[in-house]
Amino acid sequence: MKRRNPKQQRSKETVNRILRALNRIIESDGYPYATTAKIAKEAKLGIATLYGYFDDKEDILISLLNSQADEAILMLNEGLPSWIGGDRKLALRAFIEFAVNEVINRAALTKTVMMYTPHLIESPKAARLVGQFEMVLDLISKKNSADSNMIPVDSFIMTNALLGLILGLASGLPEGVSAEDVIDRLENVASSFQTLRAV
């Protein structure tokens, strides 16, 4: 069935209410408990209104993920000038802090995707977000490389290594480990890629 594509402001606000409702339920109860009836109730909408925009809860989840990916990409683009404008080591740390904090702030949603809908990791928006991570790391890696005997790292490998480690945070930080500890460790991992030297 063809669903409405929200063009008017009121329709966009309704869709955003549904997305926020699903996000709140995921954070408080978990994705398995997010029925369309519960989402509609949380959004203070009738179930028919919800079905006017979405087919089922996975359809809502896909829209939520797309929205979150768009937001993260916008934030990446906003941070890019400061990450590539200064010292490479500081830029790398600032980028890692951004990535860790984004995953911690969106831990429930990230965990939902990893546990219940891993096929969504390959969605076009998710792929674009990973591509943006790779681009930022590539730019940071190449910064000032002409002025040293360092070779640019393979940004694809570095991106996937860092994303794998960062996504592990979706289950929460280990006891006694702070976000700062994780950032320090990830910076060390990334720096090991960064300090490969030409033979």
C-alpha atoms as a PDB file:
ATOM      1  CA  MET A   1       0.000   0.000   0.000  1.00  0.00           C
ATOM      2  CA  LYS A   2       1.321   3.452  -0.916  1.00  0.00           C
ATOM      3  CA  ARG A   3       1.845   5.581   2.165  1.00  0.00           C
ATOM      4  CA  ARG A   4       1.606   9.353   2.368  1.00  0.00           C
ATOM      5  CA  ASN A   5       4.780  11.273   1.783  1.00  0.00           C
ATOM      6  CA  PRO A   6       4.734  14.151   4.272  1.00  0.00           C
ATOM      7  CA  LYS A   7       5.109  17.451   2.422  1.00  0.00           C
ATOM      8  CA  GLN A   8       3.171  19.859   4.583  1.00  0.00           C
ATOM      9  CA  GLN A   9       4.628  21.033   7.901  1.00  0.00           C
ATOM     10  CA  ARG A  10       1.819  19.424   9.902  1.00  0.00           C
ATOM     11  CA  SER A  11       2.423  16.038   8.262  1.00  0.00           C
ATOM     12  CA  LYS A  12       6.163  16.316   8.872  1.00  0.00           C
ATOM     13  CA  GLU A  13       5.483  17.089  12.531  1.00  0.00           C
ATOM     14  CA  THR A  14       3.215  14.019  12.771  1.00  0.00           C
ATOM     15  CA  VAL A  15       5.942  11.804  11.306  1.00  0.00           C
ATOM     16  CA  ASN A  16       8.494  13.297  13.714  1.00  0.00           C
ATOM     17  CA  ARG A  17       6.163  12.583  16.649  1.00  0.00           C
ATOM     18  CA  ILE A  18       5.961   8.943  15.558  1.00  0.00           C
ATOM     19  CA  LEU A  19       9.743   8.698  15.207  1.00  0.00           C
ATOM     20  CA  ARG A  20      10.340  10.285  18.606  1.00  0.00           C
ATOM     21  CA  ALA A  21       7.750   7.958  20.150  1.00  0.00           C
ATOM     22  CA  LEU A  22       9.526   4.877  18.795  1.00  0.00           C
ATOM     23  CA  ASN A  23      12.872   6.218  19.997  1.00  0.00           C
ATOM     24  CA  ARG A  24      11.499   6.788  23.527  1.00  0.00           C
ATOM     25  CA  ILE A  25      10.040   3.263  23.641  1.00  0.00           C
ATOM     26  CA  ILE A  26      13.331   1.747  22.434  1.00  0.00           C
ATOM     27  CA  GLU A  27      15.207   3.637  25.155  1.00  0.00           C
ATOM     28  CA  SER A  28      12.774   2.782  27.950  1.00  0.00           C
ATOM     29  CA  ASP A  29      11.446  -0.703  27.117  1.00  0.00           C
ATOM     30  CA  GLY A  30      13.372  -2.024  24.112  1.00  0.00           C
ATOM     31  CA  TYR A  31      12.447  -2.598  20.492  1.00  0.00           C
ATOM     32  CA  PRO A  32      10.620  -5.925  21.026  1.00  0.00           C
ATOM     33  CA  TYR A  33       8.042  -4.073  23.152  1.00  0.00           C
ATOM     34  CA  ALA A  34       7.439  -1.372  20.560  1.00  0.00           C
ATOM     35  CA  THR A  35       4.136  -2.339  18.954  1.00  0.00           C
ATOM     36  CA  THR A  36       2.480   0.008  16.497  1.00  0.00           C
ATOM     37  CA  ALA A  37      -0.364   0.488  19.006  1.00  0.00           C
ATOM     38  CA  LYS A  38       2.124   1.457  21.722  1.00  0.00           C
ATOM     39  CA  ILE A  39       3.954   3.802  19.341  1.00  0.00           C
ATOM     40  CA  ALA A  40       0.693   5.505  18.345  1.00  0.00           C
ATOM     41  CA  LYS A  41      -0.294   5.890  21.996  1.00  0.00           C
ATOM     42  CA  GLU A  42       3.135   7.312  22.907  1.00  0.00           C
ATOM     43  CA  ALA A  43       2.856   9.767  19.981  1.00  0.00           C
ATOM     44  CA  LYS A  44      -0.696  10.663  21.102  1.00  0.00           C
ATOM     45  CA  LEU A  45      -2.100   9.690  17.710  1.00  0.00           C
ATOM     46  CA  GLY A  46      -4.719   7.272  16.475  1.00  0.00           C
ATOM     47  CA  ILE A  47      -3.442   3.999  15.063  1.00  0.00           C
ATOM     48  CA  ALA A  48      -5.043   4.826  11.693  1.00  0.00           C
ATOM     49  CA  THR A  49      -2.946   8.000  11.518  1.00  0.00           C
ATOM     50  CA  LEU A  50       0.221   5.986  12.171  1.00  0.00           C
ATOM     51  CA  TYR A  51      -0.692   3.512   9.415  1.00  0.00           C
ATOM     52  CA  GLY A  52      -1.324   6.450   7.105  1.00  0.00           C
ATOM     53  CA  TYR A  53       2.444   7.027   7.135  1.00  0.00           C
ATOM     54  CA  PHE A  54       4.036   3.665   7.967  1.00  0.00           C
ATOM     55  CA  ASP A  55       3.410  -0.003   7.179  1.00  0.00           C
ATOM     56  CA  ASP A  56       4.752  -1.468  10.432  1.00  0.00           C
ATOM     57  CA  LYS A  57       7.235  -0.837  13.227  1.00  0.00           C
ATOM     58  CA  GLU A  58      10.253  -1.784  11.094  1.00  0.00           C
ATOM     59  CA  ASP A  59       9.153   0.815   8.559  1.00  0.00           C
ATOM     60  CA  ILE A  60       9.137   3.368  11.390  1.00  0.00           C
ATOM     61  CA  LEU A  61      12.551   2.131  12.553  1.00  0.00           C
ATOM     62  CA  ILE A  62      13.964   2.583   9.043  1.00  0.00           C
ATOM     63  CA  SER A  63      12.701   6.177   8.975  1.00  0.00           C
ATOM     64  CA  LEU A  64      14.133   6.789  12.439  1.00  0.00           C
ATOM     65  CA  LEU A  65      17.521   5.418  11.381  1.00  0.00           C
ATOM     66  CA  ASN A  66      17.494   7.516   8.216  1.00  0.00           C
ATOM     67  CA  SER A  67      16.672  10.601  10.253  1.00  0.00           C
ATOM     68  CA  GLN A  68      19.435   9.848  12.772  1.00  0.00           C
ATOM     69  CA  ALA A  69      21.933   9.149   9.960  1.00  0.00           C
ATOM     70  CA  ASP A  70      21.056  12.470   8.296  1.00  0.00           C
ATOM     71  CA  GLU A  71      21.583  14.251  11.612  1.00  0.00           C
ATOM     72  CA  ALA A  72      24.952  12.541  12.186  1.00  0.00           C
ATOM     73  CA  ILE A  73      26.096  13.345   8.628  1.00  0.00           C
ATOM     74  CA  LEU A  74      25.148  17.000   9.134  1.00  0.00           C
ATOM     75  CA  MET A  75      27.136  17.074  12.386  1.00  0.00           C
ATOM     76  CA  LEU A  76      30.106  15.396  10.665  1.00  0.00           C
ATOM     77  CA  ASN A  77      30.057  18.028   7.928  1.00  0.00           C
ATOM     78  CA  GLU A  78      29.824  20.824  10.487  1.00  0.00           C
ATOM     79  CA  GLY A  79      32.809  19.444  12.422  1.00  0.00           C
ATOM     80  CA  LEU A  80      34.947  18.799   9.357  1.00  0.00           C
ATOM     81  CA  PRO A  81      36.560  22.273   9.064  1.00  0.00           C
ATOM     82  CA  SER A  82      37.850  22.145  12.644  1.00  0.00           C
ATOM     83  CA  TRP A  83      39.052  18.535  12.310  1.00  0.00           C
ATOM     84  CA  ILE A  84      41.104  19.190   9.192  1.00  0.00           C
ATOM     85  CA  GLY A  85      42.149  22.730  10.062  1.00  0.00           C
ATOM     86  CA  GLY A  86      44.554  22.045  12.916  1.00  0.00           C
ATOM     87  CA  ASP A  87      47.005  19.536  14.335  1.00  0.00           C
ATOM     88  CA  ARG A  88      46.417  16.023  12.979  1.00  0.00           C
ATOM     89  CA  LYS A  89      46.666  14.317  16.391  1.00  0.00           C
ATOM     90  CA  LEU A  90      44.185  16.744  17.969  1.00  0.00           C
ATOM     91  CA  ALA A  91      41.886  16.428  14.952  1.00  0.00           C
ATOM     92  CA  LEU A  92      41.907  12.642  15.209  1.00  0.00           C
ATOM     93  CA  ARG A  93      41.077  12.788  18.917  1.00  0.00           C
ATOM     94  CA  ALA A  94      38.262  15.302  18.341  1.00  0.00           C
ATOM     95  CA  PHE A  95      36.791  13.081  15.638  1.00  0.00           C
ATOM     96  CA  ILE A  96      36.994   9.983  17.852  1.00  0.00           C
ATOM     97  CA  GLU A  97      35.327  11.899  20.715  1.00  0.00           C
ATOM     98  CA  PHE A  98      32.526  12.857  18.341  1.00  0.00           C
ATOM     99  CA  ALA A  99      32.041   9.253  17.168  1.00  0.00           C
ATOM    100  CA  VAL A 100      32.118   7.767  20.690  1.00  0.00           C
ATOM    101  CA  ASN A 101      29.685  10.349  22.052  1.00  0.00           C
ATOM    102  CA  GLU A 102      27.300   9.828  19.124  1.00  0.00           C
ATOM    103  CA  VAL A 103      27.208   6.074  19.753  1.00  0.00           C
ATOM    104  CA  ILE A 104      26.775   6.549  23.517  1.00  0.00           C
ATOM    105  CA  ASN A 105      23.961   9.065  22.918  1.00  0.00           C
ATOM    106  CA  ARG A 106      22.269   6.695  20.465  1.00  0.00           C
ATOM    107  CA  ALA A 107      23.201   3.448  22.219  1.00  0.00           C
ATOM    108  CA  ALA A 108      19.663   2.050  22.467  1.00  0.00           C
ATOM    109  CA  LEU A 109      19.005   2.633  18.776  1.00  0.00           C
ATOM    110  CA  THR A 110      22.403   1.249  17.745  1.00  0.00           C
ATOM    111  CA  LYS A 111      21.851  -1.842  19.901  1.00  0.00           C
ATOM    112  CA  THR A 112      18.396  -2.329  18.379  1.00  0.00           C
ATOM    113  CA  VAL A 113      19.800  -2.371  14.870  1.00  0.00           C
ATOM    114  CA  MET A 114      22.652  -4.702  15.790  1.00  0.00           C
ATOM    115  CA  MET A 115      20.426  -7.170  17.675  1.00  0.00           C
ATOM    116  CA  TYR A 116      17.107  -7.134  15.828  1.00  0.00           C
ATOM    117  CA  THR A 117      17.577  -5.635  12.371  1.00  0.00           C
ATOM    118  CA  PRO A 118      21.233  -6.091  11.338  1.00  0.00           C
ATOM    119  CA  HIS A 119      20.223  -6.012   7.664  1.00  0.00           C
ATOM    120  CA  LEU A 120      19.550  -2.280   8.100  1.00  0.00           C
ATOM    121  CA  ILE A 121      23.278  -1.655   8.618  1.00  0.00           C
ATOM    122  CA  GLU A 122      23.592  -2.003   4.840  1.00  0.00           C
ATOM    123  CA  SER A 123      20.920   0.621   4.098  1.00  0.00           C
ATOM    124  CA  PRO A 124      21.898   3.482   1.756  1.00  0.00           C
ATOM    125  CA  LYS A 125      21.851   6.061   4.584  1.00  0.00           C
ATOM    126  CA  ALA A 126      24.022   3.877   6.825  1.00  0.00           C
ATOM    127  CA  ALA A 127      26.437   3.301   3.940  1.00  0.00           C
ATOM    128  CA  ARG A 128      26.578   7.057   3.340  1.00  0.00           C
ATOM    129  CA  LEU A 129      27.348   7.661   7.019  1.00  0.00           C
ATOM    130  CA  VAL A 130      30.183   5.114   6.923  1.00  0.00           C
ATOM    131  CA  GLY A 131      31.435   6.799   3.744  1.00  0.00           C
ATOM    132  CA  GLN A 132      31.448  10.146   5.560  1.00  0.00           C
ATOM    133  CA  PHE A 133      33.467   8.612   8.425  1.00  0.00           C
ATOM    134  CA  GLU A 134      35.939   7.254   5.897  1.00  0.00           C
ATOM    135  CA  MET A 135      36.216  10.627   4.141  1.00  0.00           C
ATOM    136  CA  VAL A 136      36.904  12.461   7.421  1.00  0.00           C
ATOM    137  CA  LEU A 137      39.546   9.922   8.464  1.00  0.00           C
ATOM    138  CA  ASP A 138      41.113  10.103   5.020  1.00  0.00           C
ATOM    139  CA  LEU A 139      41.336  13.909   5.209  1.00  0.00           C
ATOM    140  CA  ILE A 140      42.768  13.798   8.744  1.00  0.00           C
ATOM    141  CA  SER A 141      45.233  11.087   7.718  1.00  0.00           C
ATOM    142  CA  LYS A 142      46.481  12.966   4.669  1.00  0.00           C
ATOM    143  CA  LYS A 143      46.796  16.281   6.480  1.00  0.00           C
ATOM    144  CA  ASN A 144      50.421  17.354   6.471  1.00  0.00           C
ATOM    145  CA  SER A 145      51.504  13.934   5.131  1.00  0.00           C
ATOM    146  CA  ALA A 146      53.457  15.730   2.392  1.00  0.00           C
ATOM    147  CA  ASP A 147      55.541  17.379   5.109  1.00  0.00           C
ATOM    148  CA  SER A 148      56.578  14.117   6.793  1.00  0.00           C
ATOM    149  CA  ASN A 149      57.724  10.641   5.936  1.00  0.00           C
ATOM    150  CA  MET A 150      54.383   9.204   7.073  1.00  0.00           C
ATOM    151  CA  ILE A 151      52.283   7.393   4.534  1.00  0.00           C
ATOM    152  CA  PRO A 152      48.521   7.905   4.426  1.00  0.00           C
ATOM    153  CA  VAL A 153      46.668   5.103   6.176  1.00  0.00           C
ATOM    154  CA  ASP A 154      44.121   2.943   4.463  1.00  0.00           C
ATOM    155  CA  SER A 155      41.065   4.918   5.558  1.00  0.00           C
ATOM    156  CA  PHE A 156      38.721   2.049   4.688  1.00  0.00           C
ATOM    157  CA  ILE A 157      40.492  -0.312   7.099  1.00  0.00           C
ATOM    158  CA  MET A 158      40.831   2.359   9.764  1.00  0.00           C
ATOM    159  CA  THR A 159      37.166   3.352   9.450  1.00  0.00           C
ATOM    160  CA  ASN A 160      35.922  -0.191   9.797  1.00  0.00           C
ATOM    161  CA  ALA A 161      38.278  -0.984  12.664  1.00  0.00           C
ATOM    162  CA  LEU A 162      37.189   2.114  14.577  1.00  0.00           C
ATOM    163  CA  LEU A 163      33.497   1.631  13.758  1.00  0.00           C
ATOM    164  CA  GLY A 164      33.669  -1.965  14.957  1.00  0.00           C
ATOM    165  CA  LEU A 165      35.228  -0.919  18.234  1.00  0.00           C
ATOM    166  CA  ILE A 166      32.881   2.042  18.660  1.00  0.00           C
ATOM    167  CA  LEU A 167      29.765   0.002  17.880  1.00  0.00           C
ATOM    168  CA  GLY A 168      30.784  -2.318  20.698  1.00  0.00           C
ATOM    169  CA  LEU A 169      29.784   0.552  22.989  1.00  0.00           C
ATOM    170  CA  ALA A 170      26.137   0.037  22.038  1.00  0.00           C
ATOM    171  CA  SER A 171      25.905  -2.597  24.763  1.00  0.00           C
ATOM    172  CA  GLY A 172      27.208  -0.066  27.267  1.00  0.00           C
ATOM    173  CA  LEU A 173      30.541   0.776  28.783  1.00  0.00           C
ATOM    174  CA  PRO A 174      32.270  -1.971  30.760  1.00  0.00           C
ATOM    175  CA  GLU A 175      32.167  -1.486  34.516  1.00  0.00           C
ATOM    176  CA  GLY A 176      34.811   0.952  35.690  1.00  0.00           C
ATOM    177  CA  VAL A 177      35.507   2.235  32.168  1.00  0.00           C
ATOM    178  CA  SER A 178      34.624   5.819  31.273  1.00  0.00           C
ATOM    179  CA  ALA A 179      33.947   7.309  27.857  1.00  0.00           C
ATOM    180  CA  GLU A 180      37.283   9.134  28.239  1.00  0.00           C
ATOM    181  CA  ASP A 181      39.062   5.771  28.726  1.00  0.00           C
ATOM    182  CA  VAL A 182      37.468   4.447  25.542  1.00  0.00           C
ATOM    183  CA  ILE A 183      38.431   7.592  23.622  1.00  0.00           C
ATOM    184  CA  ASP A 184      42.038   7.234  24.834  1.00  0.00           C
ATOM    185  CA  ARG A 185      42.179   3.593  23.731  1.00  0.00           C
ATOM    186  CA  LEU A 186      40.605   4.292  20.349  1.00  0.00           C
ATOM    187  CA  GLU A 187      42.992   7.185  19.813  1.00  0.00           C
ATOM    188  CA  ASN A 188      45.898   4.785  20.452  1.00  0.00           C
ATOM    189  CA  VAL A 189      44.474   2.299  17.944  1.00  0.00           C
ATOM    190  CA  ALA A 190      43.943   5.039  15.350  1.00  0.00           C
ATOM    191  CA  SER A 191      47.403   6.483  16.017  1.00  0.00           C
ATOM    192  CA  SER A 192      48.949   3.095  15.326  1.00  0.00           C
ATOM    193  CA  PHE A 193      47.406   3.290  11.850  1.00  0.00           C
ATOM    194  CA  GLN A 194      48.557   6.901  11.529  1.00  0.00           C
ATOM    195  CA  THR A 195      52.197   6.224  12.385  1.00  0.00           C
ATOM    196  CA  LEU A 196      52.924   3.676   9.663  1.00  0.00           C
ATOM    197  CA  ARG A 197      56.147   4.824   8.072  1.00  0.00           C
ATOM    198  CA  ALA A 198      57.422   4.384   4.573  1.00  0.00           C
ATOM    199  CA  VAL A 199      60.158   1.801   4.295  1.00  0.00           C
END
